[in-house]
């Protein structure tokens, strides 16, 4: 049974080797890592994606990490962990004052980074790492891969389950189709945007959500889907 990639993280760093190293390690530990190799690319990725956290390097050409953080905080409260090779206390203070949630000095081990990431998520976004998620009468036991709606057991396919967890853990936030593709992707299944739409339709039916006027999983035209925290 595949591991649900329920935590989605954006790494903004110009070190290609770091992207490769963290992509493998975090992927083995239930974290889907997406990459941007400069500040402007990172801001573009953030504008079109639903991320649970950002790993942001301070020292980057063109647009440095502190400038990127300042822009992020004007738009979002997504948790940000700053990565830097600098030992200057002033940089750490400025980053924290601008709204960084943690500061990880380079070099670091992937294991330490994962622990720091999980600690930040538990503090500021506990649903991202929760083993049990309950939203609007839908209850999911993530390790057991069991779903109940108003107490009644509901059988889902593996892809339907992964998509549902992705939506529930970001309840109230729009999740782009591309993010759901990443959640549902696996080697033995061909996944397309149409595939996601089909599974959303099946999920609505199984969750008792009226497909003509859904109150749980709502469509955001041209973007993706949002699971409403309160249903009508």
Protein backbone atom coordinates (compact mmCIF):
# COMPACT_ATOMS: atom_id res chain seq x y z
CA UNK A 1 0.00 0.00 0.00
CA UNK A 2 1.56 3.37 -1.01
CA UNK A 3 2.33 5.98 1.61
CA UNK A 4 0.01 8.97 1.46
CA UNK A 5 2.03 12.04 0.49
CA UNK A 6 -0.07 14.25 2.73
CA UNK A 7 2.58 16.89 3.51
CA UNK A 8 3.52 19.08 0.55
CA UNK A 9 6.60 21.27 0.87
CA UNK A 10 8.26 23.80 -1.44
CA UNK A 11 12.07 24.10 -1.37
CA UNK A 12 13.40 27.44 -2.66
CA UNK A 13 17.17 27.08 -2.96
CA UNK A 14 19.74 27.43 -5.74
CA UNK A 15 21.66 24.29 -4.65
CA UNK A 16 20.63 21.53 -7.09
CA UNK A 17 22.33 18.84 -4.99
CA UNK A 18 20.25 19.81 -1.97
CA UNK A 19 17.04 19.46 -3.98
CA UNK A 20 18.06 15.94 -5.02
CA UNK A 21 19.12 14.88 -1.52
CA UNK A 22 16.03 16.22 0.24
CA UNK A 23 13.69 15.04 -2.51
CA UNK A 24 14.74 11.44 -1.93
CA UNK A 25 14.90 11.53 1.87
CA UNK A 26 11.70 13.50 2.47
CA UNK A 27 9.85 11.45 -0.13
CA UNK A 28 10.72 8.30 1.81
CA UNK A 29 9.17 9.91 4.90
CA UNK A 30 5.80 11.01 3.57
CA UNK A 31 6.74 14.51 2.40
CA UNK A 32 6.22 15.49 -1.25
CA UNK A 33 8.92 18.03 -2.13
CA UNK A 34 8.60 20.49 -4.99
CA UNK A 35 11.51 22.62 -6.13
CA UNK A 36 12.19 26.20 -7.15
CA UNK A 37 15.76 27.24 -7.83
CA UNK A 38 15.42 30.98 -7.29
CA UNK A 39 13.26 33.43 -5.38
CA UNK A 40 11.04 34.53 -8.24
CA UNK A 41 10.39 30.94 -9.26
CA UNK A 42 9.48 30.14 -5.66
CA UNK A 43 6.96 32.96 -5.50
CA UNK A 44 5.40 31.78 -8.77
CA UNK A 45 5.11 28.23 -7.41
CA UNK A 46 3.49 29.50 -4.21
CA UNK A 47 0.92 31.53 -6.13
CA UNK A 48 -0.32 28.42 -7.91
CA UNK A 49 0.04 25.68 -5.30
CA UNK A 50 -1.21 24.51 -1.92
CA UNK A 51 1.88 23.96 0.22
CA UNK A 52 2.01 23.02 3.90
CA UNK A 53 5.44 24.60 4.43
CA UNK A 54 8.31 26.35 2.66
CA UNK A 55 12.04 25.68 3.02
CA UNK A 56 13.71 28.93 2.03
CA UNK A 57 17.40 29.62 1.51
CA UNK A 58 18.67 33.05 2.58
CA UNK A 59 21.61 33.35 0.19
CA UNK A 60 20.29 33.33 -3.38
CA UNK A 61 21.22 35.43 -6.42
CA UNK A 62 18.86 38.08 -7.77
CA UNK A 63 16.17 37.92 -5.08
CA UNK A 64 17.45 36.88 -1.65
CA UNK A 65 15.56 34.78 0.85
CA UNK A 66 14.66 37.63 3.21
CA UNK A 67 13.04 39.54 0.33
CA UNK A 68 11.14 36.40 -0.65
CA UNK A 69 10.01 35.90 2.95
CA UNK A 70 8.78 39.48 3.12
CA UNK A 71 6.64 38.91 0.02
CA UNK A 72 5.35 35.57 1.31
CA UNK A 73 4.21 37.17 4.54
CA UNK A 74 2.30 39.82 2.62
CA UNK A 75 0.28 37.04 1.00
CA UNK A 76 0.21 34.00 3.27
CA UNK A 77 0.75 32.49 6.72
CA UNK A 78 2.31 29.30 5.31
CA UNK A 79 5.05 28.06 7.69
CA UNK A 80 8.54 29.04 6.52
CA UNK A 81 11.81 27.44 7.65
CA UNK A 82 14.84 29.52 6.68
CA UNK A 83 17.97 27.70 5.51
CA UNK A 84 21.31 29.49 5.63
CA UNK A 85 25.05 28.96 5.72
CA UNK A 86 25.46 32.22 7.56
CA UNK A 87 26.25 32.23 11.25
CA UNK A 88 25.37 35.90 11.69
CA UNK A 89 22.88 36.36 14.50
CA UNK A 90 21.54 39.50 12.81
CA UNK A 91 20.28 37.46 9.84
CA UNK A 92 18.46 35.06 12.13
CA UNK A 93 16.86 37.92 14.04
CA UNK A 94 15.73 39.67 10.85
CA UNK A 95 14.26 36.44 9.47
CA UNK A 96 12.32 35.74 12.65
CA UNK A 97 11.10 39.33 12.82
CA UNK A 98 9.85 39.05 9.24
CA UNK A 99 7.80 36.00 10.21
CA UNK A 100 10.01 32.94 9.73
CA UNK A 101 8.84 30.00 11.85
CA UNK A 102 12.27 28.43 12.32
CA UNK A 103 15.88 28.89 11.25
CA UNK A 104 18.02 25.89 10.23
CA UNK A 105 21.76 26.59 9.75
CA UNK A 106 23.67 24.77 6.99
CA UNK A 107 25.08 22.21 6.92
CA UNK A 108 22.28 20.13 8.42
CA UNK A 109 21.26 16.49 8.23
CA UNK A 110 18.02 15.62 6.38
CA UNK A 111 16.88 13.85 9.54
CA UNK A 112 17.27 17.02 11.60
CA UNK A 113 15.47 19.09 8.98
CA UNK A 114 12.55 16.63 8.90
CA UNK A 115 12.29 16.76 12.70
CA UNK A 116 12.29 20.58 12.66
CA UNK A 117 9.71 20.61 9.85
CA UNK A 118 7.38 18.27 11.71
CA UNK A 119 7.79 20.30 14.92
CA UNK A 120 6.79 23.50 13.13
CA UNK A 121 3.79 21.82 11.49
CA UNK A 122 2.63 20.35 14.80
CA UNK A 123 2.76 23.83 16.30
CA UNK A 124 1.22 25.99 13.59
CA UNK A 125 -0.68 23.52 11.38
CA UNK A 126 -1.36 20.37 13.43
CA UNK A 127 -3.78 18.88 10.89
CA UNK A 128 -0.90 18.45 8.41
CA UNK A 129 0.66 15.67 10.49
CA UNK A 130 -2.39 14.35 12.33
CA UNK A 131 -3.01 10.61 12.29
CA UNK A 132 -6.76 11.23 12.57
CA UNK A 133 -8.56 14.02 10.72
CA UNK A 134 -12.21 15.03 11.24
CA UNK A 135 -13.91 17.70 9.14
CA UNK A 136 -17.65 18.31 8.64
CA UNK A 137 -18.69 14.80 9.69
CA UNK A 138 -15.96 13.06 7.67
CA UNK A 139 -13.49 11.16 9.86
CA UNK A 140 -10.27 9.63 8.54
CA UNK A 141 -7.92 7.27 10.37
CA UNK A 142 -4.82 7.87 8.25
CA UNK A 143 -2.60 4.92 9.33
CA UNK A 144 -5.51 2.46 9.07
CA UNK A 145 -6.74 4.10 5.85
CA UNK A 146 -10.32 4.03 7.12
CA UNK A 147 -13.03 6.60 6.40
CA UNK A 148 -16.31 7.20 8.20
CA UNK A 149 -19.08 9.65 7.33
CA UNK A 150 -21.33 10.51 10.25
CA UNK A 151 -20.07 7.32 11.92
CA UNK A 152 -20.75 4.99 8.97
CA UNK A 153 -17.80 3.22 7.30
CA UNK A 154 -17.16 4.23 3.68
CA UNK A 155 -15.02 2.18 1.29
CA UNK A 156 -12.65 4.18 -0.92
CA UNK A 157 -10.06 3.18 -3.48
CA UNK A 158 -6.42 3.98 -2.72
CA UNK A 159 -6.40 7.05 -4.98
CA UNK A 160 -9.73 8.31 -3.63
CA UNK A 161 -8.36 7.98 -0.10
CA UNK A 162 -5.18 9.90 -0.90
CA UNK A 163 -7.09 12.71 -2.59
CA UNK A 164 -9.53 12.94 0.34
CA UNK A 165 -6.69 13.17 2.88
CA UNK A 166 -5.05 15.91 0.81
CA UNK A 167 -8.30 17.89 0.82
CA UNK A 168 -9.14 17.32 4.48
CA UNK A 169 -5.68 18.30 5.72
CA UNK A 170 -6.06 21.57 3.83
CA UNK A 171 -9.75 22.08 4.62
CA UNK A 172 -10.84 25.60 3.85
CA UNK A 173 -7.97 26.11 1.39
CA UNK A 174 -8.12 25.64 -2.37
CA UNK A 175 -6.02 22.67 -3.51
CA UNK A 176 -5.01 22.98 -7.19
CA UNK A 177 -5.50 20.03 -9.49
CA UNK A 178 -1.73 19.82 -9.90
CA UNK A 179 -1.34 19.26 -6.15
CA UNK A 180 -3.95 16.51 -6.19
CA UNK A 181 -2.17 14.92 -9.14
CA UNK A 182 0.97 14.78 -7.02
CA UNK A 183 -0.99 13.24 -4.13
CA UNK A 184 -2.61 10.58 -6.32
CA UNK A 185 0.32 9.80 -8.60
CA UNK A 186 1.84 6.32 -8.54
CA UNK A 187 3.72 4.09 -10.92
CA UNK A 188 0.90 1.68 -11.71
CA UNK A 189 -1.79 4.26 -12.53
CA UNK A 190 -1.91 6.84 -15.31
CA UNK A 191 -3.13 10.06 -13.67
CA UNK A 192 -4.40 13.12 -15.54
CA UNK A 193 -6.47 16.17 -14.63
CA UNK A 194 -9.53 14.32 -15.96
CA UNK A 195 -8.66 11.40 -13.67
CA UNK A 196 -8.74 13.75 -10.66
CA UNK A 197 -12.14 15.12 -11.73
CA UNK A 198 -13.52 11.59 -12.06
CA UNK A 199 -12.28 10.60 -8.61
CA UNK A 200 -13.67 13.79 -7.09
CA UNK A 201 -17.06 12.92 -8.59
CA UNK A 202 -16.88 9.43 -7.07
CA UNK A 203 -15.77 10.83 -3.72
CA UNK A 204 -18.71 13.20 -3.60
CA UNK A 205 -21.11 10.33 -4.20
CA UNK A 206 -19.51 8.13 -1.53
CA UNK A 207 -19.44 10.97 1.01
CA UNK A 208 -23.11 11.73 0.40
CA UNK A 209 -22.30 15.08 -1.22
CA UNK A 210 -24.89 16.22 -3.79
CA UNK A 211 -22.96 16.32 -7.10
CA UNK A 212 -25.29 19.03 -8.46
CA UNK A 213 -24.79 21.30 -5.45
CA UNK A 214 -21.93 19.95 -3.34
CA UNK A 215 -21.49 21.29 0.17
CA UNK A 216 -18.37 19.33 1.15
CA UNK A 217 -16.05 19.23 -1.88
CA UNK A 218 -16.55 22.38 -3.90
CA UNK A 219 -15.05 23.21 -7.29
CA UNK A 220 -13.00 26.36 -7.77
CA UNK A 221 -13.29 26.78 -11.50
CA UNK A 222 -9.98 26.79 -13.36
CA UNK A 223 -7.98 26.05 -10.20
CA UNK A 224 -9.00 22.97 -8.22
CA UNK A 225 -11.09 21.96 -5.21
CA UNK A 226 -11.73 22.98 -1.62
CA UNK A 227 -13.15 20.91 1.23
CA UNK A 228 -15.45 23.20 3.19
CA UNK A 229 -14.84 23.23 6.93
CA UNK A 230 -18.51 23.91 7.57
CA UNK A 231 -21.22 22.51 5.36
CA UNK A 232 -24.63 24.00 4.76
